[in-house]
Amino acid sequence: RHMKAVEEAEALGKTGDRGAWKWAIRKRIWDFMEANNVAANPRPVHHRIPNFVNAELTAKQVELLPEFRAARWVKVNPDSPQKEVRAATLRAGKMLLVPQPRLRTGFFSLLNPDKIEPRRYGYAVTQAGVVQYGEPIDLETKIKVDMIVIGSVAVNPENGARLGKGEGFAELEYGMLRLMGAIDDDTPVVTCIHDCQIVGDIPSEKMLCHDVPVDIICTPTRIIRVHDVQRKLPKPKGIYWEKLSPQKLASIRILQQLKAKLEAESGELLPCGMEEVLPPTASRGGKGGKGGKQGGKASGKGCGPSWARGKGMQAEQSSPVVEHRPESTSGLTGARRWRVRPAQGSAIGTKVD
């Protein structure tokens, strides 16, 4: 339904830069994850940064990164699949920055591991825990963020291009951190996804100045670095007000405050972007997280067994490998069991029935 609305609005020139092609990829991934039971609660995963089976293994991969070990301040998105990454950040004694969900009530919350009992770390990184233990920070706070972890719906490892759930919060958070001077081009951007979220059809030429590319991809089975500097996308320099729709601006108070402040300081009005059709928010399913409409047939392009192969990326040595074993060829795409088999010398993989 939303894709149809976007297509109609696009024909009338009312979507700004948010084309229907992105929604086709998102739907393909969401449908595939639901149809193949790769999805994990909360379900259905449509219109979410999707949670997935073995998401906790991506936190183990993040812990292996030298960038993570060297970092003192780490920003991690508040979504379900990155819960263990947030907990790992606190366990490592690092300062954790978590955005306010949808930037509704503010900007970021800061969690200091020294002020939280270690046995409470798992709770502290939930939405309720962040409210209880987090200290709000604003745009005037002087901080230096050493690493960013963001969720994704789909990622192209050849150029680092990613698609989120379509609401633009990762881009806005990144842009505001750039304006604060908290990050720069050299700040590593990491995303944690399932292997089936790796795709090859997010072209560089269709990405926009405010889209945030990634440097490192962590899946349950491997670590992939985007090495091809010729194809790698540039990172945003701040907030591109001319790309920000009036609908999005009206929904985020901190952006309204920032815009008013900048206009007052400069004495000039900032530009405004085109109208857009805001995407629907996710709905929780029934008991067991399996209620609601399930995804339809996915094309599977970019989701098949050739998951992390191609130029511009490199799998690191100690990663386990994943096997997918079709048990039925009936139905939408055939039900599968997903089994993670550790590579030699790796203690990361676990069996999933």
Protein backbone atom coordinates (compact mmCIF):
# COMPACT_ATOMS: atom_id res chain seq x y z
CA ARG A 1 0.00 0.00 0.00
CA HIS A 2 2.81 2.41 0.90
CA MET A 3 4.73 1.54 -2.28
CA LYS A 4 1.68 2.41 -4.35
CA ALA A 5 1.34 5.73 -2.53
CA VAL A 6 5.04 6.46 -3.15
CA GLU A 7 4.72 5.58 -6.83
CA GLU A 8 1.70 7.88 -7.21
CA ALA A 9 3.41 10.70 -5.34
CA GLU A 10 6.60 10.19 -7.33
CA ALA A 11 4.67 10.62 -10.56
CA LEU A 12 3.41 13.95 -9.23
CA GLY A 13 6.85 15.04 -8.04
CA LYS A 14 5.89 14.86 -4.35
CA THR A 15 8.40 12.37 -2.98
CA GLY A 16 11.53 14.47 -3.06
CA ASP A 17 14.39 12.05 -3.61
CA ARG A 18 12.78 8.98 -2.06
CA GLY A 19 12.01 6.79 -5.05
CA ALA A 20 9.93 3.64 -5.19
CA TRP A 21 13.01 1.57 -6.14
CA LYS A 22 14.21 1.68 -2.53
CA TRP A 23 10.89 0.38 -1.27
CA ALA A 24 11.02 -2.52 -3.71
CA ILE A 25 14.34 -3.64 -2.17
CA ARG A 26 13.09 -3.17 1.38
CA LYS A 27 9.97 -5.20 0.70
CA ARG A 28 12.01 -7.95 -0.94
CA ILE A 29 14.22 -8.27 2.13
CA TRP A 30 11.37 -8.08 4.66
CA ASP A 31 9.34 -10.64 2.70
CA PHE A 32 12.31 -12.99 2.40
CA MET A 33 13.10 -12.84 6.10
CA GLU A 34 9.52 -13.57 7.09
CA ALA A 35 8.95 -16.30 4.51
CA ASN A 36 12.14 -18.12 5.48
CA ASN A 37 11.85 -17.64 9.26
CA VAL A 38 15.06 -15.67 9.39
CA ALA A 39 13.04 -12.95 11.13
CA ALA A 40 12.96 -12.71 14.92
CA ASN A 41 10.67 -10.80 17.26
CA PRO A 42 9.29 -8.21 17.09
CA ARG A 43 7.43 -9.50 14.04
CA PRO A 44 6.40 -8.89 11.40
CA VAL A 45 9.65 -7.15 10.52
CA HIS A 46 8.15 -4.95 7.81
CA HIS A 47 8.82 -1.21 8.34
CA ARG A 48 11.47 -2.03 10.95
CA ILE A 49 15.19 -2.45 11.20
CA PRO A 50 14.55 -6.18 11.15
CA ASN A 51 15.56 -8.42 14.01
CA PHE A 52 16.90 -11.81 12.94
CA VAL A 53 18.02 -15.24 14.06
CA ASN A 54 21.53 -15.15 15.56
CA ALA A 55 21.61 -11.36 15.79
CA GLU A 56 23.62 -11.73 19.01
CA LEU A 57 26.49 -13.21 16.97
CA THR A 58 26.97 -9.88 15.21
CA ALA A 59 27.87 -8.37 18.60
CA LYS A 60 30.65 -10.96 18.87
CA GLN A 61 31.91 -9.84 15.48
CA VAL A 62 31.85 -6.19 16.55
CA GLU A 63 33.91 -7.07 19.62
CA LEU A 64 36.61 -8.48 17.31
CA LEU A 65 37.03 -5.18 15.47
CA PRO A 66 40.19 -3.22 16.33
CA GLU A 67 38.12 -0.06 15.85
CA PHE A 68 35.77 -1.19 18.61
CA ARG A 69 38.60 -2.17 20.95
CA ALA A 70 40.20 1.26 20.51
CA ALA A 71 36.95 3.21 20.86
CA ARG A 72 35.99 5.04 24.05
CA TRP A 73 32.63 6.46 22.90
CA VAL A 74 30.32 4.36 20.70
CA LYS A 75 26.95 5.34 19.24
CA VAL A 76 24.57 2.42 18.64
CA ASN A 77 21.04 2.55 17.21
CA PRO A 78 18.17 1.61 19.57
CA ASP A 79 16.70 -1.25 17.49
CA SER A 80 16.23 -4.86 18.63
CA PRO A 81 18.95 -6.58 16.55
CA GLN A 82 21.60 -4.27 18.02
CA LYS A 83 20.64 -4.89 21.67
CA GLU A 84 23.64 -7.18 22.28
CA VAL A 85 25.97 -4.67 20.62
CA ARG A 86 24.78 -2.06 23.11
CA ALA A 87 25.31 -4.48 26.00
CA ALA A 88 28.78 -5.43 24.70
CA THR A 89 29.70 -1.74 24.60
CA LEU A 90 28.89 -1.34 28.30
CA ARG A 91 30.64 -4.60 29.23
CA ALA A 92 33.77 -3.30 27.49
CA GLY A 93 33.67 -0.22 29.73
CA LYS A 94 32.85 2.19 26.91
CA MET A 95 30.53 5.19 26.93
CA LEU A 96 27.35 4.31 25.01
CA LEU A 97 25.29 6.83 23.06
CA VAL A 98 21.76 5.74 22.12
CA PRO A 99 19.44 7.94 20.04
CA GLN A 100 16.01 8.71 21.42
CA PRO A 101 13.58 6.46 19.48
CA ARG A 102 12.44 8.44 16.42
CA LEU A 103 14.03 11.49 18.12
CA ARG A 104 10.61 12.03 19.71
CA THR A 105 11.65 13.39 23.09
CA GLY A 106 15.13 14.66 22.45
CA PHE A 107 18.45 13.77 20.91
CA PHE A 108 20.73 11.16 22.54
CA SER A 109 20.95 9.36 25.85
CA LEU A 110 24.37 8.66 27.34
CA LEU A 111 24.93 5.47 29.33
CA ASN A 112 28.03 5.42 31.51
CA PRO A 113 29.00 1.84 32.48
CA ASP A 114 30.60 3.11 35.70
CA LYS A 115 27.17 4.28 36.89
CA ILE A 116 25.33 1.02 36.13
CA GLU A 117 25.68 -2.27 37.98
CA PRO A 118 27.16 -4.84 35.57
CA ARG A 119 24.31 -7.26 36.26
CA ARG A 120 21.94 -4.54 34.96
CA TYR A 121 23.68 -3.96 31.64
CA GLY A 122 21.25 -6.20 29.75
CA TYR A 123 18.28 -4.24 31.05
CA ALA A 124 20.00 -0.86 30.74
CA VAL A 125 20.20 -1.19 26.96
CA THR A 126 16.46 -1.81 26.51
CA GLN A 127 14.13 1.09 25.78
CA ALA A 128 12.94 1.19 29.40
CA GLY A 129 16.49 0.83 30.68
CA VAL A 130 17.76 3.72 28.59
CA VAL A 131 15.01 5.89 30.08
CA GLN A 132 16.07 4.85 33.60
CA TYR A 133 19.87 4.95 33.24
CA GLY A 134 20.48 7.29 30.33
CA GLU A 135 21.58 10.89 30.76
CA PRO A 136 20.14 13.16 28.07
CA ILE A 137 22.60 15.18 26.02
CA ASP A 138 21.86 18.00 23.63
CA LEU A 139 23.44 19.53 20.57
CA GLU A 140 25.67 21.78 22.68
CA THR A 141 27.40 18.87 24.40
CA LYS A 142 31.10 18.56 23.52
CA ILE A 143 31.83 14.90 22.80
CA LYS A 144 33.98 12.83 20.45
CA VAL A 145 32.36 9.65 19.10
CA ASP A 146 34.88 7.01 18.04
CA MET A 147 32.58 4.53 16.27
CA ILE A 148 29.01 4.42 14.96
CA VAL A 149 26.87 1.29 14.74
CA ILE A 150 23.68 1.52 12.69
CA GLY A 151 21.01 -0.95 11.68
CA SER A 152 20.04 -1.56 8.07
CA VAL A 153 17.45 -3.28 5.91
CA ALA A 154 19.81 -3.87 3.00
CA VAL A 155 23.50 -3.17 2.32
CA ASN A 156 25.64 -3.34 -0.82
CA PRO A 157 29.18 -4.34 0.26
CA GLU A 158 30.75 -3.20 -3.00
CA ASN A 159 30.15 0.50 -2.35
CA GLY A 160 28.93 0.63 1.27
CA ALA A 161 25.47 1.85 0.25
CA ARG A 162 22.73 0.99 2.73
CA LEU A 163 18.99 1.30 3.04
CA GLY A 164 17.32 1.78 6.39
CA LYS A 165 13.63 1.41 7.06
CA GLY A 166 12.88 4.57 5.11
CA GLU A 167 12.38 7.15 7.85
CA GLY A 168 15.80 8.79 7.60
CA PHE A 169 16.69 8.81 11.30
CA ALA A 170 20.19 7.35 10.87
CA GLU A 171 20.96 10.13 8.38
CA LEU A 172 19.59 12.84 10.67
CA GLU A 173 21.47 11.51 13.69
CA TYR A 174 24.67 11.34 11.65
CA GLY A 175 24.14 14.85 10.29
CA MET A 176 23.60 16.31 13.75
CA LEU A 177 26.72 14.59 15.10
CA ARG A 178 28.69 16.14 12.21
CA LEU A 179 27.30 19.58 13.06
CA MET A 180 28.38 19.04 16.69
CA GLY A 181 31.90 18.15 15.58
CA ALA A 182 31.53 14.79 17.32
CA ILE A 183 32.42 12.76 14.20
CA ASP A 184 34.22 13.23 10.90
CA ASP A 185 34.90 11.32 7.68
CA ASP A 186 37.30 8.99 9.48
CA THR A 187 34.79 7.85 12.11
CA PRO A 188 34.05 4.22 11.22
CA VAL A 189 30.43 3.33 10.46
CA VAL A 190 29.50 -0.29 11.18
CA THR A 191 26.25 -2.07 10.39
CA CYS A 192 25.04 -5.39 11.84
CA ILE A 193 22.79 -7.43 9.57
CA HIS A 194 21.87 -10.97 8.55
CA ASP A 195 23.67 -12.42 5.53
CA CYS A 196 20.45 -12.36 3.48
CA GLN A 197 20.37 -8.56 3.81
CA ILE A 198 23.48 -8.27 1.64
CA VAL A 199 22.44 -7.17 -1.84
CA GLY A 200 24.10 -6.08 -5.06
CA ASP A 201 21.48 -3.73 -6.48
CA ILE A 202 21.90 -0.47 -4.53
CA PRO A 203 23.78 1.57 -7.15
CA SER A 204 26.07 4.42 -6.18
CA GLU A 205 24.54 6.78 -8.71
CA LYS A 206 21.12 6.55 -7.06
CA MET A 207 22.35 7.34 -3.57
CA LEU A 208 22.04 10.88 -2.26
CA CYS A 209 24.28 13.36 -0.46
CA HIS A 210 22.60 12.69 2.90
CA ASP A 211 22.69 8.87 2.67
CA VAL A 212 25.14 7.36 5.18
CA PRO A 213 27.38 4.62 3.72
CA VAL A 214 29.02 1.97 5.89
CA ASP A 215 32.67 0.99 6.23
CA ILE A 216 32.22 -2.39 7.91
CA ILE A 217 29.46 -5.02 7.75
CA CYS A 218 29.09 -7.55 10.57
CA THR A 219 26.86 -10.57 9.99
CA PRO A 220 26.48 -13.68 12.15
CA THR A 221 28.99 -15.42 9.86
CA ARG A 222 31.61 -12.86 8.84
CA ILE A 223 33.10 -9.40 8.89
CA ILE A 224 33.19 -7.55 5.57
CA ARG A 225 35.14 -4.37 4.94
CA VAL A 226 34.34 -2.01 2.07
CA HIS A 227 37.80 -1.62 0.56
CA ASP A 228 37.21 -0.27 -2.93
CA VAL A 229 37.90 3.44 -2.44
CA GLN A 230 36.96 4.17 -6.05
CA ARG A 231 33.39 2.90 -5.53
CA LYS A 232 32.97 3.81 -1.88
CA LEU A 233 30.42 6.53 -1.30
CA PRO A 234 31.26 9.84 0.42
CA LYS A 235 29.85 10.50 3.86
CA PRO A 236 27.44 13.38 4.58
CA LYS A 237 28.91 16.60 5.92
CA GLY A 238 25.91 17.61 8.02
CA ILE A 239 22.18 18.13 7.59
CA TYR A 240 21.01 18.92 4.08
CA TRP A 241 18.03 21.12 4.82
CA GLU A 242 17.04 21.29 1.15
CA LYS A 243 16.46 17.51 1.32
CA LEU A 244 14.41 17.61 4.52
CA SER A 245 10.68 17.49 3.84
CA PRO A 246 8.24 19.71 5.77
CA GLN A 247 6.52 16.55 7.00
CA LYS A 248 9.72 15.17 8.51
CA LEU A 249 10.70 18.53 10.00
CA ALA A 250 7.28 18.89 11.61
CA SER A 251 7.63 15.49 13.29
CA ILE A 252 10.99 16.08 15.02
CA ARG A 253 11.17 18.79 17.65
CA ILE A 254 14.95 18.88 18.00
CA LEU A 255 15.30 19.57 14.28
CA GLN A 256 12.83 22.44 14.54
CA GLN A 257 14.87 23.86 17.42
CA LEU A 258 18.15 23.45 15.53
CA LYS A 259 16.73 25.08 12.40
CA ALA A 260 15.40 28.04 14.40
CA LYS A 261 18.76 28.45 16.14
CA LEU A 262 20.75 28.40 12.91
CA GLU A 263 18.36 30.83 11.24
CA ALA A 264 18.53 33.19 14.22
CA GLU A 265 22.34 33.12 14.16
CA SER A 266 22.62 33.69 10.41
CA GLY A 267 19.64 35.98 9.96
CA GLU A 268 18.62 33.94 6.92
CA LEU A 269 15.98 31.29 6.35
CA LEU A 270 17.23 27.78 5.63
CA PRO A 271 15.86 25.96 2.58
CA CYS A 272 13.19 23.30 2.85
CA GLY A 273 12.86 20.06 0.91
CA MET A 274 10.01 18.73 -1.21
CA GLU A 275 6.86 17.10 0.11
CA GLU A 276 7.12 13.41 0.93
CA VAL A 277 4.89 10.48 1.75
CA LEU A 278 5.99 9.41 5.21
CA PRO A 279 6.18 5.63 5.62
CA PRO A 280 3.89 3.82 8.06
CA THR A 281 5.29 2.74 11.40
CA ALA A 282 5.69 -0.96 12.14
CA SER A 283 2.86 -2.89 13.72
CA ARG A 284 3.42 -5.69 16.20
CA GLY A 285 1.94 -9.05 15.31
CA GLY A 286 -0.12 -11.39 17.41
CA LYS A 287 0.94 -13.88 20.07
CA GLY A 288 4.43 -15.18 19.50
CA GLY A 289 5.13 -12.29 17.17
CA LYS A 290 3.70 -14.13 14.18
CA GLY A 291 0.45 -12.30 13.80
CA GLY A 292 -0.32 -9.75 11.17
CA LYS A 293 0.22 -10.02 7.47
CA GLN A 294 3.21 -12.09 6.48
CA GLY A 295 5.48 -11.10 3.65
CA GLY A 296 4.82 -12.34 0.15
CA LYS A 297 7.21 -13.96 -2.26
CA ALA A 298 10.62 -12.39 -2.42
CA SER A 299 12.56 -12.22 -5.62
CA GLY A 300 15.66 -13.34 -3.75
CA LYS A 301 17.96 -11.20 -5.86
CA GLY A 302 20.97 -10.49 -3.70
CA CYS A 303 19.66 -12.80 -0.95
CA GLY A 304 20.82 -16.11 -2.31
CA PRO A 305 23.82 -18.23 -1.40
CA SER A 306 26.30 -15.91 -3.12
CA TRP A 307 26.02 -13.67 -0.09
CA ALA A 308 29.30 -11.86 0.42
CA ARG A 309 31.10 -12.40 -2.84
CA GLY A 310 32.33 -9.68 -5.15
CA LYS A 311 34.82 -6.90 -5.63
CA GLY A 312 35.31 -4.20 -3.05
CA MET A 313 34.86 -6.38 0.03
CA GLN A 314 36.91 -8.75 2.09
CA ALA A 315 35.79 -11.42 4.55
CA GLU A 316 38.02 -11.60 7.62
CA GLN A 317 39.65 -14.88 8.50
CA SER A 318 38.02 -16.13 11.70
CA SER A 319 34.40 -15.86 10.55
CA PRO A 320 32.16 -18.92 10.56
CA VAL A 321 30.16 -19.89 7.51
CA VAL A 322 26.44 -20.26 7.12
CA GLU A 323 24.54 -23.11 5.51
CA HIS A 324 20.93 -22.92 4.40
CA ARG A 325 19.22 -26.23 3.79
CA PRO A 326 15.93 -26.26 1.91
CA GLU A 327 13.46 -28.65 3.51
CA SER A 328 10.63 -27.92 1.17
CA THR A 329 10.26 -26.41 -2.25
CA SER A 330 6.59 -25.70 -1.80
CA GLY A 331 5.08 -22.40 -0.71
CA LEU A 332 6.54 -18.98 -1.30
CA THR A 333 10.27 -19.62 -1.39
CA GLY A 334 10.60 -22.90 0.47
CA ALA A 335 10.98 -23.14 4.24
CA ARG A 336 14.59 -23.30 5.39
CA ARG A 337 16.46 -24.10 8.53
CA TRP A 338 19.44 -21.89 9.15
CA ARG A 339 22.57 -23.45 10.54
CA VAL A 340 25.69 -21.51 11.50
CA ARG A 341 28.83 -23.64 11.38
CA PRO A 342 31.99 -22.17 12.97
CA ALA A 343 35.03 -21.85 10.78
CA GLN A 344 38.21 -23.50 11.99
CA GLY A 345 39.44 -21.76 15.11
CA SER A 346 36.24 -19.76 15.59
CA ALA A 347 34.06 -19.91 18.68
CA ILE A 348 31.36 -17.65 17.33
CA GLY A 349 28.96 -19.96 15.50
CA THR A 350 26.08 -21.82 17.14
CA LYS A 351 23.56 -24.26 15.73
CA VAL A 352 20.06 -23.00 15.11
CA ASP A 353 17.18 -25.42 14.65
